[in-house]
Amino acid sequence: MSTDNNNPGKLLASGIADAVGFVGGALLGYWIGQILGLDVFAEGYGASSLIAIAMVGLGGGLGLHLSKRWHNARKE
């Protein structure tokens, strides 16, 4: 059994890294959408609004993935 899973400090650091990566990626996706003229909060679900929502989701997912890779690389 690994002791890393029982260390609250390491679990907290991992959770914070995940949160920062997800939020940072989502914000990056949002701002790229804004630069391209896509509005996440547009009324209705038009094509531009759906693309903007997808960009925020993809940005969050990519940010989370990158933060996990960074955090795992620091463990080794």
Protein backbone atom coordinates (compact mmCIF):
# COMPACT_ATOMS: atom_id res chain seq x y z
CA MET A 1 0.00 0.00 0.00
CA SER A 2 1.38 3.40 -0.99
CA THR A 3 1.76 5.95 1.78
CA ASP A 4 1.33 8.83 -0.70
CA ASN A 5 -2.44 8.23 -0.77
CA ASN A 6 -2.65 8.75 3.00
CA ASN A 7 -0.61 11.96 3.20
CA PRO A 8 -3.01 14.89 3.51
CA GLY A 9 -0.39 17.42 2.41
CA LYS A 10 0.32 15.58 -0.83
CA LEU A 11 -3.38 15.06 -1.50
CA LEU A 12 -4.03 18.76 -0.93
CA ALA A 13 -1.16 19.74 -3.25
CA SER A 14 -2.49 17.40 -5.93
CA GLY A 15 -6.01 18.80 -5.59
CA ILE A 16 -4.81 22.39 -5.76
CA ALA A 17 -2.68 21.62 -8.82
CA ASP A 18 -5.69 20.01 -10.51
CA ALA A 19 -7.95 22.96 -9.67
CA VAL A 20 -5.44 25.56 -10.88
CA GLY A 21 -4.86 23.62 -14.11
CA PHE A 22 -8.57 23.20 -14.81
CA VAL A 23 -9.55 26.80 -14.03
CA GLY A 24 -6.53 28.20 -15.86
CA GLY A 25 -7.27 26.12 -18.95
CA ALA A 26 -10.96 27.01 -18.87
CA LEU A 27 -10.15 30.72 -18.60
CA LEU A 28 -7.69 30.43 -21.46
CA GLY A 29 -10.37 28.74 -23.58
CA TYR A 30 -12.85 31.46 -22.62
CA TRP A 31 -10.47 34.30 -23.53
CA ILE A 32 -9.48 32.70 -26.83
CA GLY A 33 -13.19 32.44 -27.62
CA GLN A 34 -13.65 36.10 -26.73
CA ILE A 35 -10.78 37.09 -29.02
CA LEU A 36 -12.39 35.09 -31.83
CA GLY A 37 -15.73 36.82 -31.20
CA LEU A 38 -17.49 33.83 -29.61
CA ASP A 39 -19.74 34.50 -26.61
CA VAL A 40 -20.29 31.73 -24.07
CA PHE A 41 -23.14 33.67 -22.47
CA ALA A 42 -25.02 34.52 -25.65
CA GLU A 43 -28.78 34.12 -25.50
CA GLY A 44 -29.90 30.75 -26.86
CA TYR A 45 -27.70 27.96 -28.10
CA GLY A 46 -26.44 29.15 -31.46
CA ALA A 47 -23.43 27.68 -33.22
CA SER A 48 -21.02 30.32 -31.91
CA SER A 49 -22.24 29.84 -28.35
CA LEU A 50 -21.83 26.05 -28.56
CA ILE A 51 -18.32 26.40 -30.00
CA ALA A 52 -17.42 28.80 -27.19
CA ILE A 53 -18.76 26.35 -24.57
CA ALA A 54 -16.73 23.55 -26.17
CA MET A 55 -13.60 25.73 -26.11
CA VAL A 56 -14.03 26.37 -22.38
CA GLY A 57 -14.51 22.64 -21.75
CA LEU A 58 -11.55 21.62 -23.87
CA GLY A 59 -9.38 24.28 -22.27
CA GLY A 60 -10.31 23.03 -18.81
CA GLY A 61 -9.62 19.43 -19.75
CA LEU A 62 -6.26 20.26 -21.33
CA GLY A 63 -5.28 22.41 -18.35
CA LEU A 64 -6.16 19.58 -15.97
CA HIS A 65 -4.18 17.10 -18.06
CA LEU A 66 -1.12 19.36 -18.16
CA SER A 67 -1.26 20.01 -14.41
CA LYS A 68 -1.44 16.27 -13.70
CA ARG A 69 1.58 15.66 -15.96
CA TRP A 70 3.48 18.47 -14.24
CA HIS A 71 2.54 17.23 -10.77
CA ASN A 72 3.48 13.62 -11.59
CA ALA A 73 6.83 14.72 -13.07
CA ARG A 74 7.64 16.51 -9.81
CA LYS A 75 7.02 13.31 -7.81
CA GLU A 76 9.76 11.36 -9.58
